[in-house]
Every structure is written in C-alpha cells, then in structure tokens.
C-alpha cells in the first residue's frame, strides 16, 4: 500500500511539474510566431493576406513593419489612405494595399 501512495504521489508531482512548464512556455509560443514577412512571400501572397483580412501587419525587414489595409474603412476617422508598395520574394515593388495616414489640417478643413 505504501508503494502505491508513493507512485501516485510521484505521478501527481510529475503532472504538476509538466503543467507548470507548459504554463511558463505559453507566452514564448506567442512571441515565436511573429508576423508575416513580405520578403518570404510572393507578391500575390502578400496582397492576398491584406485582401482577405482587410488589415494586416506585415514585416518588410528586420524589425521593420507596417499595417496595411484594403480601404479607408480600416483606418481611424481622422486618417486617409496612401498606396503602399513593398518588396516581396518575387518583386522589388509590389502593391499590397494602403497604409493609414493622418489627414493634414488643410484636408480636414476642406
């Protein structure tokens, strides 16, 4: 009987330790996923991500990224859109959508 208790206790301890390790690893998993990088995609793939999601954050180089949108509907009311081209794996300049930019004071008044 004593061996069964020790075996159960050991099994419970191992499950607890595994659960702790898993819980500690979760934040790292989210960071490891990262964002899509245009250099690793074709032009059609990069444009397709923006088109299918409406808005997407896409990396264009080491620690360089921006948010790209399909239309002004995905911008703040005080913003407008500017066409955006990025380098992709198959094209040096690929139109993938727009970026949101603040309207100038002149634009807002007119």
PDB file of N, CA and C in Angstrom:
ATOM      1  N   UNK A   1       0.822  -1.189   0.000  1.00  0.00           N
ATOM      2  CA  UNK A   1       0.000   0.000   0.000  1.00  0.00           C
ATOM      3  C   UNK A   1       0.870   1.259   0.000  1.00  0.00           C
ATOM      4  N   UNK A   2       1.948   1.206   0.709  1.00  0.00           N
ATOM      5  CA  UNK A   2       2.835   2.362   0.767  1.00  0.00           C
ATOM      6  C   UNK A   2       3.430   2.679  -0.615  1.00  0.00           C
ATOM      7  N   UNK A   3       3.780   1.649  -1.381  1.00  0.00           N
ATOM      8  CA  UNK A   3       4.327   1.867  -2.715  1.00  0.00           C
ATOM      9  C   UNK A   3       3.303   2.523  -3.637  1.00  0.00           C
ATOM     10  N   UNK A   4       2.057   2.167  -3.547  1.00  0.00           N
ATOM     11  CA  UNK A   4       1.019   2.739  -4.400  1.00  0.00           C
ATOM     12  C   UNK A   4       0.857   4.220  -4.100  1.00  0.00           C
ATOM     13  N   UNK A   5       0.889   4.595  -2.835  1.00  0.00           N
ATOM     14  CA  UNK A   5       0.778   6.016  -2.484  1.00  0.00           C
ATOM     15  C   UNK A   5       1.967   6.784  -3.030  1.00  0.00           C
ATOM     16  N   UNK A   6       3.158   6.230  -2.874  1.00  0.00           N
ATOM     17  CA  UNK A   6       4.346   6.913  -3.383  1.00  0.00           C
ATOM     18  C   UNK A   6       4.291   7.037  -4.903  1.00  0.00           C
ATOM     19  N   UNK A   7       3.842   5.985  -5.573  1.00  0.00           N
ATOM     20  CA  UNK A   7       3.731   6.016  -7.036  1.00  0.00           C
ATOM     21  C   UNK A   7       2.709   7.064  -7.463  1.00  0.00           C
ATOM     22  N   UNK A   8       1.574   7.127  -6.780  1.00  0.00           N
ATOM     23  CA  UNK A   8       0.554   8.137  -7.107  1.00  0.00           C
ATOM     24  C   UNK A   8       1.082   9.537  -6.830  1.00  0.00           C
ATOM     25  N   UNK A   9       1.763   9.690  -5.734  1.00  0.00           N
ATOM     26  CA  UNK A   9       2.312  10.988  -5.363  1.00  0.00           C
ATOM     27  C   UNK A   9       3.356  11.440  -6.390  1.00  0.00           C
ATOM     28  N   UNK A  10       4.202  10.511  -6.837  1.00  0.00           N
ATOM     29  CA  UNK A  10       5.205  10.830  -7.835  1.00  0.00           C
ATOM     30  C   UNK A  10       4.556  11.203  -9.163  1.00  0.00           C
ATOM     31  N   UNK A  11       3.532  10.465  -9.553  1.00  0.00           N
ATOM     32  CA  UNK A  11       2.824  10.757 -10.801  1.00  0.00           C
ATOM     33  C   UNK A  11       2.153  12.126 -10.729  1.00  0.00           C
ATOM     34  N   UNK A  12       1.553  12.436  -9.595  1.00  0.00           N
ATOM     35  CA  UNK A  12       0.905  13.742  -9.421  1.00  0.00           C
ATOM     36  C   UNK A  12       1.942  14.862  -9.466  1.00  0.00           C
ATOM     37  N   UNK A  13       3.088  14.639  -8.878  1.00  0.00           N
ATOM     38  CA  UNK A  13       4.158  15.635  -8.892  1.00  0.00           C
ATOM     39  C   UNK A  13       4.653  15.875 -10.306  1.00  0.00           C
ATOM     40  N   UNK A  14       4.773  14.811 -11.081  1.00  0.00           N
ATOM     41  CA  UNK A  14       5.232  14.954 -12.468  1.00  0.00           C
ATOM     42  C   UNK A  14       4.198  15.710 -13.301  1.00  0.00           C
ATOM     43  N   UNK A  15       2.917  15.412 -13.107  1.00  0.00           N
ATOM     44  CA  UNK A  15       1.873  16.132 -13.843  1.00  0.00           C
ATOM     45  C   UNK A  15       1.885  17.609 -13.484  1.00  0.00           C
ATOM     46  N   UNK A  16       2.072  17.891 -12.194  1.00  0.00           N
ATOM     47  CA  UNK A  16       2.116  19.277 -11.739  1.00  0.00           C
ATOM     48  C   UNK A  16       3.311  20.002 -12.367  1.00  0.00           C
ATOM     49  N   UNK A  17       4.465  19.362 -12.364  1.00  0.00           N
ATOM     50  CA  UNK A  17       5.663  19.969 -12.953  1.00  0.00           C
ATOM     51  C   UNK A  17       5.476  20.199 -14.448  1.00  0.00           C
ATOM     52  N   UNK A  18       4.863  19.251 -15.137  1.00  0.00           N
ATOM     53  CA  UNK A  18       4.610  19.405 -16.575  1.00  0.00           C
ATOM     54  C   UNK A  18       3.653  20.562 -16.833  1.00  0.00           C
ATOM     55  N   UNK A  19       2.637  20.696 -16.002  1.00  0.00           N
ATOM     56  CA  UNK A  19       1.678  21.794 -16.153  1.00  0.00           C
ATOM     57  C   UNK A  19       2.355  23.142 -15.948  1.00  0.00           C
ATOM     58  N   UNK A  20       3.237  23.234 -14.973  1.00  0.00           N
ATOM     59  CA  UNK A  20       3.976  24.482 -14.713  1.00  0.00           C
ATOM     60  C   UNK A  20       4.855  24.820 -15.918  1.00  0.00           C
ATOM     61  N   UNK A  21       5.580  23.824 -16.432  1.00  0.00           N
ATOM     62  CA  UNK A  21       6.440  24.056 -17.603  1.00  0.00           C
ATOM     63  C   UNK A  21       5.623  24.532 -18.799  1.00  0.00           C
ATOM     64  N   UNK A  22       4.473  23.926 -19.028  1.00  0.00           N
ATOM     65  CA  UNK A  22       3.612  24.310 -20.131  1.00  0.00           C
ATOM     66  C   UNK A  22       3.122  25.750 -19.960  1.00  0.00           C
ATOM     67  N   UNK A  23       2.705  26.093 -18.744  1.00  0.00           N
ATOM     68  CA  UNK A  23       2.199  27.447 -18.478  1.00  0.00           C
ATOM     69  C   UNK A  23       3.293  28.492 -18.685  1.00  0.00           C
ATOM     70  N   UNK A  24       4.509  28.160 -18.314  1.00  0.00           N
ATOM     71  CA  UNK A  24       5.612  29.101 -18.491  1.00  0.00           C
ATOM     72  C   UNK A  24       6.009  29.237 -19.959  1.00  0.00           C
ATOM     73  N   UNK A  25       5.779  28.218 -20.741  1.00  0.00           N
ATOM     74  CA  UNK A  25       6.156  28.244 -22.153  1.00  0.00           C
ATOM     75  C   UNK A  25       5.133  28.975 -23.027  1.00  0.00           C
ATOM     76  N   UNK A  26       3.899  29.113 -22.579  1.00  0.00           N
ATOM     77  CA  UNK A  26       2.849  29.720 -23.408  1.00  0.00           C
ATOM     78  C   UNK A  26       3.194  31.121 -23.909  1.00  0.00           C
ATOM     79  N   UNK A  27       3.649  32.037 -23.059  1.00  0.00           N
ATOM     80  CA  UNK A  27       3.961  33.369 -23.586  1.00  0.00           C
ATOM     81  C   UNK A  27       5.039  33.326 -24.662  1.00  0.00           C
ATOM     82  N   UNK A  28       5.997  32.457 -24.521  1.00  0.00           N
ATOM     83  CA  UNK A  28       7.050  32.333 -25.518  1.00  0.00           C
ATOM     84  C   UNK A  28       6.539  31.829 -26.848  1.00  0.00           C
ATOM     85  N   UNK A  29       5.523  30.989 -26.840  1.00  0.00           N
ATOM     86  CA  UNK A  29       4.964  30.473 -28.084  1.00  0.00           C
ATOM     87  C   UNK A  29       4.333  31.585 -28.902  1.00  0.00           C
ATOM     88  N   UNK A  30       3.639  32.500 -28.239  1.00  0.00           N
ATOM     89  CA  UNK A  30       3.001  33.600 -28.953  1.00  0.00           C
ATOM     90  C   UNK A  30       4.044  34.514 -29.577  1.00  0.00           C
ATOM     91  N   UNK A  31       5.129  34.782 -28.882  1.00  0.00           N
ATOM     92  CA  UNK A  31       6.181  35.642 -29.401  1.00  0.00           C
ATOM     93  C   UNK A  31       6.886  34.965 -30.570  1.00  0.00           C
ATOM     94  N   UNK A  32       7.067  33.681 -30.502  1.00  0.00           N
ATOM     95  CA  UNK A  32       7.809  32.966 -31.527  1.00  0.00           C
ATOM     96  C   UNK A  32       7.087  32.948 -32.869  1.00  0.00           C
ATOM     97  N   UNK A  33       5.779  33.122 -32.877  1.00  0.00           N
ATOM     98  CA  UNK A  33       5.040  33.077 -34.133  1.00  0.00           C
ATOM     99  C   UNK A  33       5.406  34.226 -35.048  1.00  0.00           C
ATOM    100  N   UNK A  34       5.558  35.422 -34.510  1.00  0.00           N
ATOM    101  CA  UNK A  34       5.945  36.570 -35.310  1.00  0.00           C
ATOM    102  C   UNK A  34       4.894  36.990 -36.314  1.00  0.00           C
ATOM    103  N   UNK A  35       5.287  37.930 -37.152  1.00  0.00           N
ATOM    104  CA  UNK A  35       4.379  38.441 -38.179  1.00  0.00           C
ATOM    105  C   UNK A  35       4.848  37.964 -39.542  1.00  0.00           C
ATOM    106  N   UNK A  36       3.955  37.959 -40.538  1.00  0.00           N
ATOM    107  CA  UNK A  36       4.381  37.572 -41.885  1.00  0.00           C
ATOM    108  C   UNK A  36       5.442  38.537 -42.399  1.00  0.00           C
ATOM    109  N   UNK A  37       6.387  38.044 -43.158  1.00  0.00           N
ATOM    110  CA  UNK A  37       7.451  38.870 -43.731  1.00  0.00           C
ATOM    111  C   UNK A  37       7.307  38.849 -45.251  1.00  0.00           C
ATOM    112  N   UNK A  38       7.185  40.022 -45.838  1.00  0.00           N
ATOM    113  CA  UNK A  38       6.950  40.115 -47.285  1.00  0.00           C
ATOM    114  C   UNK A  38       8.097  39.521 -48.097  1.00  0.00           C
ATOM    115  N   UNK A  39       9.309  39.555 -47.579  1.00  0.00           N
ATOM    116  CA  UNK A  39      10.459  39.018 -48.317  1.00  0.00           C
ATOM    117  C   UNK A  39      10.365  37.507 -48.506  1.00  0.00           C
ATOM    118  N   UNK A  40       9.587  36.843 -47.641  1.00  0.00           N
ATOM    119  CA  UNK A  40       9.431  35.391 -47.723  1.00  0.00           C
ATOM    120  C   UNK A  40       8.186  34.975 -48.497  1.00  0.00           C
ATOM    121  N   UNK A  41       7.516  35.930 -49.149  1.00  0.00           N
ATOM    122  CA  UNK A  41       6.266  35.636 -49.855  1.00  0.00           C
ATOM    123  C   UNK A  41       6.330  36.143 -51.282  1.00  0.00           C
ATOM    124  N   UNK A  42       5.432  35.633 -52.099  1.00  0.00           N
ATOM    125  CA  UNK A  42       5.250  36.205 -53.436  1.00  0.00           C
ATOM    126  C   UNK A  42       4.393  37.460 -53.289  1.00  0.00           C
ATOM    127  N   UNK A  43       4.375  38.257 -54.327  1.00  0.00           N
ATOM    128  CA  UNK A  43       3.536  39.464 -54.317  1.00  0.00           C
ATOM    129  C   UNK A  43       2.071  39.088 -54.105  1.00  0.00           C
ATOM    130  N   UNK A  44       1.629  38.060 -54.789  1.00  0.00           N
ATOM    131  CA  UNK A  44       0.225  37.629 -54.679  1.00  0.00           C
ATOM    132  C   UNK A  44      -0.105  37.175 -53.252  1.00  0.00           C
ATOM    133  N   UNK A  45       0.829  36.497 -52.594  1.00  0.00           N
ATOM    134  CA  UNK A  45       0.577  36.044 -51.215  1.00  0.00           C
ATOM    135  C   UNK A  45       0.470  37.231 -50.268  1.00  0.00           C
ATOM    136  N   UNK A  46       1.374  38.200 -50.389  1.00  0.00           N
ATOM    137  CA  UNK A  46       1.349  39.374 -49.509  1.00  0.00           C
ATOM    138  C   UNK A  46       0.069  40.176 -49.713  1.00  0.00           C
ATOM    139  N   UNK A  47      -0.282  40.428 -50.972  1.00  0.00           N
ATOM    140  CA  UNK A  47      -1.515  41.169 -51.260  1.00  0.00           C
ATOM    141  C   UNK A  47      -2.733  40.373 -50.814  1.00  0.00           C
ATOM    142  N   UNK A  48      -2.660  39.065 -50.931  1.00  0.00           N
ATOM    143  CA  UNK A  48      -3.770  38.214 -50.518  1.00  0.00           C
ATOM    144  C   UNK A  48      -4.040  38.253 -49.029  1.00  0.00           C
ATOM    145  N   UNK A  49      -2.981  38.360 -48.232  1.00  0.00           N
ATOM    146  CA  UNK A  49      -3.165  38.462 -46.777  1.00  0.00           C
ATOM    147  C   UNK A  49      -3.950  39.722 -46.441  1.00  0.00           C
ATOM    148  N   UNK A  50      -3.536  40.848 -47.015  1.00  0.00           N
ATOM    149  CA  UNK A  50      -4.227  42.117 -46.742  1.00  0.00           C
ATOM    150  C   UNK A  50      -5.653  42.053 -47.264  1.00  0.00           C
ATOM    151  N   UNK A  51      -5.827  41.551 -48.466  1.00  0.00           N
ATOM    152  CA  UNK A  51      -7.154  41.476 -49.078  1.00  0.00           C
ATOM    153  C   UNK A  51      -8.114  40.590 -48.286  1.00  0.00           C
ATOM    154  N   UNK A  52      -7.625  39.459 -47.821  1.00  0.00           N
ATOM    155  CA  UNK A  52      -8.521  38.531 -47.118  1.00  0.00           C
ATOM    156  C   UNK A  52      -8.840  38.969 -45.697  1.00  0.00           C
ATOM    157  N   UNK A  53      -7.927  39.706 -45.066  1.00  0.00           N
ATOM    158  CA  UNK A  53      -8.153  40.108 -43.677  1.00  0.00           C
ATOM    159  C   UNK A  53      -8.649  41.543 -43.540  1.00  0.00           C
ATOM    160  N   UNK A  54      -8.534  42.327 -44.598  1.00  0.00           N
ATOM    161  CA  UNK A  54      -8.949  43.723 -44.520  1.00  0.00           C
ATOM    162  C   UNK A  54      -7.841  44.617 -44.020  1.00  0.00           C
ATOM    163  N   UNK A  55      -7.104  44.150 -43.029  1.00  0.00           N
ATOM    164  CA  UNK A  55      -5.958  44.872 -42.470  1.00  0.00           C
ATOM    165  C   UNK A  55      -5.000  43.837 -41.908  1.00  0.00           C
ATOM    166  N   UNK A  56      -3.694  44.086 -42.075  1.00  0.00           N
ATOM    167  CA  UNK A  56      -2.702  43.141 -41.578  1.00  0.00           C
ATOM    168  C   UNK A  56      -1.389  43.858 -41.312  1.00  0.00           C
ATOM    169  N   UNK A  57      -0.693  43.410 -40.286  1.00  0.00           N
ATOM    170  CA  UNK A  57       0.655  43.905 -40.001  1.00  0.00           C
ATOM    171  C   UNK A  57       1.623  42.946 -40.688  1.00  0.00           C
ATOM    172  N   UNK A  58       2.451  43.508 -41.568  1.00  0.00           N
ATOM    173  CA  UNK A  58       3.387  42.697 -42.337  1.00  0.00           C
ATOM    174  C   UNK A  58       4.787  43.288 -42.180  1.00  0.00           C
ATOM    175  N   UNK A  59       5.741  42.420 -41.907  1.00  0.00           N
ATOM    176  CA  UNK A  59       7.130  42.838 -41.809  1.00  0.00           C
ATOM    177  C   UNK A  59       7.729  42.995 -43.199  1.00  0.00           C
ATOM    178  N   UNK A  60       8.631  43.977 -43.323  1.00  0.00           N
ATOM    179  CA  UNK A  60       9.305  44.209 -44.603  1.00  0.00           C
ATOM    180  C   UNK A  60      10.816  44.135 -44.457  1.00  0.00           C
ATOM    181  N   UNK A  61      11.290  43.838 -43.274  1.00  0.00           N
ATOM    182  CA  UNK A  61      12.720  43.727 -42.995  1.00  0.00           C
ATOM    183  C   UNK A  61      12.916  43.472 -41.527  1.00  0.00           C
ATOM    184  N   UNK A  62      14.191  43.352 -41.102  1.00  0.00           N
ATOM    185  CA  UNK A  62      14.439  43.118 -39.672  1.00  0.00           C
ATOM    186  C   UNK A  62      13.908  44.291 -38.830  1.00  0.00           C
ATOM    187  N   UNK A  63      12.985  43.999 -37.949  1.00  0.00           N
ATOM    188  CA  UNK A  63      12.389  44.995 -37.051  1.00  0.00           C
ATOM    189  C   UNK A  63      11.699  46.139 -37.794  1.00  0.00           C
ATOM    190  N   UNK A  64      11.266  45.899 -39.032  1.00  0.00           N
ATOM    191  CA  UNK A  64      10.544  46.910 -39.810  1.00  0.00           C
ATOM    192  C   UNK A  64       9.204  46.301 -40.214  1.00  0.00           C
ATOM    193  N   UNK A  65       8.134  47.011 -39.907  1.00  0.00           N
ATOM    194  CA  UNK A  65       6.805  46.517 -40.235  1.00  0.00           C
ATOM    195  C   UNK A  65       5.845  47.686 -40.337  1.00  0.00           C
ATOM    196  N   UNK A  66       4.705  47.419 -40.920  1.00  0.00           N
ATOM    197  CA  UNK A  66       3.657  48.436 -41.004  1.00  0.00           C
ATOM    198  C   UNK A  66       2.313  47.725 -41.090  1.00  0.00           C
ATOM    199  N   UNK A  67       1.270  48.489 -40.912  1.00  0.00           N
ATOM    200  CA  UNK A  67      -0.097  47.961 -41.012  1.00  0.00           C
ATOM    201  C   UNK A  67      -0.635  48.359 -42.377  1.00  0.00           C
ATOM    202  N   UNK A  68      -1.111  47.371 -43.119  1.00  0.00           N
ATOM    203  CA  UNK A  68      -1.622  47.592 -44.460  1.00  0.00           C
ATOM    204  C   UNK A  68      -3.118  47.280 -44.481  1.00  0.00           C
ATOM    205  N   UNK A  69      -3.868  48.085 -45.229  1.00  0.00           N
ATOM    206  CA  UNK A  69      -5.328  47.949 -45.263  1.00  0.00           C
ATOM    207  C   UNK A  69      -5.826  47.904 -46.701  1.00  0.00           C
ATOM    208  N   UNK A  70      -7.049  47.404 -46.883  1.00  0.00           N
ATOM    209  CA  UNK A  70      -7.644  47.367 -48.220  1.00  0.00           C
ATOM    210  C   UNK A  70      -8.384  48.657 -48.555  1.00  0.00           C
ATOM    211  N   UNK A  71      -8.821  49.389 -47.526  1.00  0.00           N
ATOM    212  CA  UNK A  71      -9.555  50.629 -47.782  1.00  0.00           C
ATOM    213  C   UNK A  71      -9.538  51.516 -46.537  1.00  0.00           C
ATOM    214  N   UNK A  72     -10.028  52.719 -46.716  1.00  0.00           N
ATOM    215  CA  UNK A  72     -10.091  53.678 -45.615  1.00  0.00           C
ATOM    216  C   UNK A  72     -11.022  53.196 -44.498  1.00  0.00           C
ATOM    217  N   UNK A  73     -11.894  52.278 -44.791  1.00  0.00           N
ATOM    218  CA  UNK A  73     -12.801  51.739 -43.774  1.00  0.00           C
ATOM    219  C   UNK A  73     -12.039  51.118 -42.609  1.00  0.00           C
ATOM    220  N   UNK A  74     -10.785  50.740 -42.823  1.00  0.00           N
ATOM    221  CA  UNK A  74      -9.970  50.127 -41.773  1.00  0.00           C
ATOM    222  C   UNK A  74      -9.057  51.138 -41.085  1.00  0.00           C
ATOM    223  N   UNK A  75      -9.245  52.418 -41.382  1.00  0.00           N
ATOM    224  CA  UNK A  75      -8.473  53.494 -40.760  1.00  0.00           C
ATOM    225  C   UNK A  75      -9.344  54.238 -39.747  1.00  0.00           C
ATOM    226  N   UNK A  76      -8.706  55.053 -38.931  1.00  0.00           N
ATOM    227  CA  UNK A  76      -9.423  55.911 -37.996  1.00  0.00           C
ATOM    228  C   UNK A  76     -10.131  57.014 -38.792  1.00  0.00           C
ATOM    229  N   UNK A  77     -11.189  57.624 -38.227  1.00  0.00           N
ATOM    230  CA  UNK A  77     -11.918  58.670 -38.966  1.00  0.00           C
ATOM    231  C   UNK A  77     -11.039  59.859 -39.368  1.00  0.00           C
ATOM    232  N   UNK A  78      -9.968  60.120 -38.624  1.00  0.00           N
ATOM    233  CA  UNK A  78      -9.091  61.257 -38.931  1.00  0.00           C
ATOM    234  C   UNK A  78      -7.957  60.867 -39.871  1.00  0.00           C
ATOM    235  N   UNK A  79      -8.041  59.671 -40.469  1.00  0.00           N
ATOM    236  CA  UNK A  79      -6.976  59.209 -41.353  1.00  0.00           C
ATOM    237  C   UNK A  79      -7.478  58.987 -42.775  1.00  0.00           C
ATOM    238  N   UNK A  80      -6.565  59.027 -43.698  1.00  0.00           N
ATOM    239  CA  UNK A  80      -6.828  58.692 -45.093  1.00  0.00           C
ATOM    240  C   UNK A  80      -5.846  57.597 -45.501  1.00  0.00           C
ATOM    241  N   UNK A  81      -5.940  57.139 -46.730  1.00  0.00           N
ATOM    242  CA  UNK A  81      -5.044  56.067 -47.169  1.00  0.00           C
ATOM    243  C   UNK A  81      -4.009  56.582 -48.154  1.00  0.00           C
ATOM    244  N   UNK A  82      -2.860  55.913 -48.154  1.00  0.00           N
ATOM    245  CA  UNK A  82      -1.815  56.137 -49.143  1.00  0.00           C
ATOM    246  C   UNK A  82      -1.439  54.787 -49.726  1.00  0.00           C
ATOM    247  N   UNK A  83      -1.262  54.703 -51.045  1.00  0.00           N
ATOM    248  CA  UNK A  83      -0.871  53.427 -51.645  1.00  0.00           C
ATOM    249  C   UNK A  83       0.456  52.939 -51.049  1.00  0.00           C
ATOM    250  N   UNK A  84       0.568  51.621 -50.890  1.00  0.00           N
ATOM    251  CA  UNK A  84       1.772  51.046 -50.285  1.00  0.00           C
ATOM    252  C   UNK A  84       2.341  49.941 -51.163  1.00  0.00           C
ATOM    253  N   UNK A  85       3.627  50.049 -51.438  1.00  0.00           N
ATOM    254  CA  UNK A  85       4.359  49.031 -52.179  1.00  0.00           C
ATOM    255  C   UNK A  85       5.454  48.485 -51.267  1.00  0.00           C
ATOM    256  N   UNK A  86       5.642  47.192 -51.299  1.00  0.00           N
ATOM    257  CA  UNK A  86       6.701  46.555 -50.509  1.00  0.00           C
ATOM    258  C   UNK A  86       7.492  45.603 -51.405  1.00  0.00           C
ATOM    259  N   UNK A  87       8.696  45.291 -50.976  1.00  0.00           N
ATOM    260  CA  UNK A  87       9.496  44.293 -51.684  1.00  0.00           C
ATOM    261  C   UNK A  87       9.037  42.909 -51.240  1.00  0.00           C
ATOM    262  N   UNK A  88       8.840  42.026 -52.204  1.00  0.00           N
ATOM    263  CA  UNK A  88       8.468  40.644 -51.894  1.00  0.00           C
ATOM    264  C   UNK A  88       9.528  39.716 -52.493  1.00  0.00           C
ATOM    265  N   UNK A  89       9.362  38.443 -52.281  1.00  0.00           N
ATOM    266  CA  UNK A  89      10.328  37.481 -52.774  1.00  0.00           C
ATOM    267  C   UNK A  89      10.446  37.460 -54.286  1.00  0.00           C
ATOM    268  N   UNK A  90       9.386  37.869 -54.988  1.00  0.00           N
ATOM    269  CA  UNK A  90       9.420  37.810 -56.452  1.00  0.00           C
ATOM    270  C   UNK A  90       9.361  39.169 -57.144  1.00  0.00           C
ATOM    271  N   UNK A  91       9.131  40.260 -56.379  1.00  0.00           N
ATOM    272  CA  UNK A  91       9.065  41.588 -56.996  1.00  0.00           C
ATOM    273  C   UNK A  91       9.699  42.633 -56.087  1.00  0.00           C
ATOM    274  N   UNK A  92      10.455  43.567 -56.657  1.00  0.00           N
ATOM    275  CA  UNK A  92      11.042  44.625 -55.823  1.00  0.00           C
ATOM    276  C   UNK A  92      10.010  45.650 -55.349  1.00  0.00           C
ATOM    277  N   UNK A  93       8.927  45.820 -56.116  1.00  0.00           N
ATOM    278  CA  UNK A  93       7.836  46.740 -55.729  1.00  0.00           C
ATOM    279  C   UNK A  93       6.510  46.057 -55.993  1.00  0.00           C
ATOM    280  N   UNK A  94       5.814  45.728 -54.923  1.00  0.00           N
ATOM    281  CA  UNK A  94       4.539  45.022 -55.019  1.00  0.00           C
ATOM    282  C   UNK A  94       3.474  45.845 -54.304  1.00  0.00           C
ATOM    283  N   UNK A  95       2.413  46.204 -55.025  1.00  0.00           N
ATOM    284  CA  UNK A  95       1.298  46.918 -54.388  1.00  0.00           C
ATOM    285  C   UNK A  95       0.494  45.912 -53.568  1.00  0.00           C
ATOM    286  N   UNK A  96       0.450  46.130 -52.239  1.00  0.00           N
ATOM    287  CA  UNK A  96      -0.301  45.191 -51.392  1.00  0.00           C
ATOM    288  C   UNK A  96      -1.518  45.824 -50.728  1.00  0.00           C
ATOM    289  N   UNK A  97      -1.698  47.123 -50.918  1.00  0.00           N
ATOM    290  CA  UNK A  97      -2.831  47.807 -50.310  1.00  0.00           C
ATOM    291  C   UNK A  97      -2.453  49.233 -49.968  1.00  0.00           C
ATOM    292  N   UNK A  98      -2.911  49.671 -48.820  1.00  0.00           N
ATOM    293  CA  UNK A  98      -2.705  51.053 -48.401  1.00  0.00           C
ATOM    294  C   UNK A  98      -2.225  51.093 -46.952  1.00  0.00           C
ATOM    295  N   UNK A  99      -1.624  52.227 -46.583  1.00  0.00           N
ATOM    296  CA  UNK A  99      -1.345  52.500 -45.178  1.00  0.00           C
ATOM    297  C   UNK A  99      -2.242  53.659 -44.753  1.00  0.00           C
ATOM    298  N   UNK A 100      -2.578  53.718 -43.486  1.00  0.00           N
ATOM    299  CA  UNK A 100      -3.398  54.806 -42.952  1.00  0.00           C
ATOM    300  C   UNK A 100      -2.482  55.949 -42.525  1.00  0.00           C
ATOM    301  N   UNK A 101      -2.813  57.156 -42.939  1.00  0.00           N
ATOM    302  CA  UNK A 101      -2.033  58.353 -42.593  1.00  0.00           C
ATOM    303  C   UNK A 101      -2.984  59.422 -42.100  1.00  0.00           C
ATOM    304  N   UNK A 102      -2.526  60.201 -41.116  1.00  0.00           N
ATOM    305  CA  UNK A 102      -3.335  61.306 -40.601  1.00  0.00           C
ATOM    306  C   UNK A 102      -3.640  62.302 -41.708  1.00  0.00           C
ATOM    307  N   UNK A 103      -4.880  62.779 -41.740  1.00  0.00           N
ATOM    308  CA  UNK A 103      -5.241  63.837 -42.671  1.00  0.00           C
ATOM    309  C   UNK A 103      -4.519  65.109 -42.255  1.00  0.00           C
ATOM    310  N   UNK A 104      -4.080  65.899 -43.214  1.00  0.00           N
ATOM    311  CA  UNK A 104      -3.465  67.174 -42.867  1.00  0.00           C
ATOM    312  C   UNK A 104      -4.580  68.132 -42.436  1.00  0.00           C
ATOM    313  N   UNK A 105      -4.223  69.216 -41.772  1.00  0.00           N
ATOM    314  CA  UNK A 105      -5.208  70.206 -41.328  1.00  0.00           C
ATOM    315  C   UNK A 105      -5.966  70.758 -42.531  1.00  0.00           C
ATOM    316  N   UNK A 106      -5.271  70.981 -43.631  1.00  0.00           N
ATOM    317  CA  UNK A 106      -5.905  71.506 -44.845  1.00  0.00           C
ATOM    318  C   UNK A 106      -6.960  70.525 -45.351  1.00  0.00           C
ATOM    319  N   UNK A 107      -6.626  69.239 -45.385  1.00  0.00           N
ATOM    320  CA  UNK A 107      -7.574  68.235 -45.866  1.00  0.00           C
ATOM    321  C   UNK A 107      -8.819  68.173 -44.998  1.00  0.00           C
ATOM    322  N   UNK A 108      -8.645  68.333 -43.691  1.00  0.00           N
ATOM    323  CA  UNK A 108      -9.785  68.240 -42.772  1.00  0.00           C
ATOM    324  C   UNK A 108     -10.723  69.438 -42.929  1.00  0.00           C
ATOM    325  N   UNK A 109     -10.157  70.605 -43.219  1.00  0.00           N
ATOM    326  CA  UNK A 109     -10.966  71.822 -43.321  1.00  0.00           C
ATOM    327  C   UNK A 109     -11.703  71.914 -44.647  1.00  0.00           C
ATOM    328  N   UNK A 110     -11.264  71.193 -45.658  1.00  0.00           N
ATOM    329  CA  UNK A 110     -11.884  71.284 -46.985  1.00  0.00           C
ATOM    330  C   UNK A 110     -12.738  70.109 -47.290  1.00  0.00           C
TER     331      UNK A 110
END
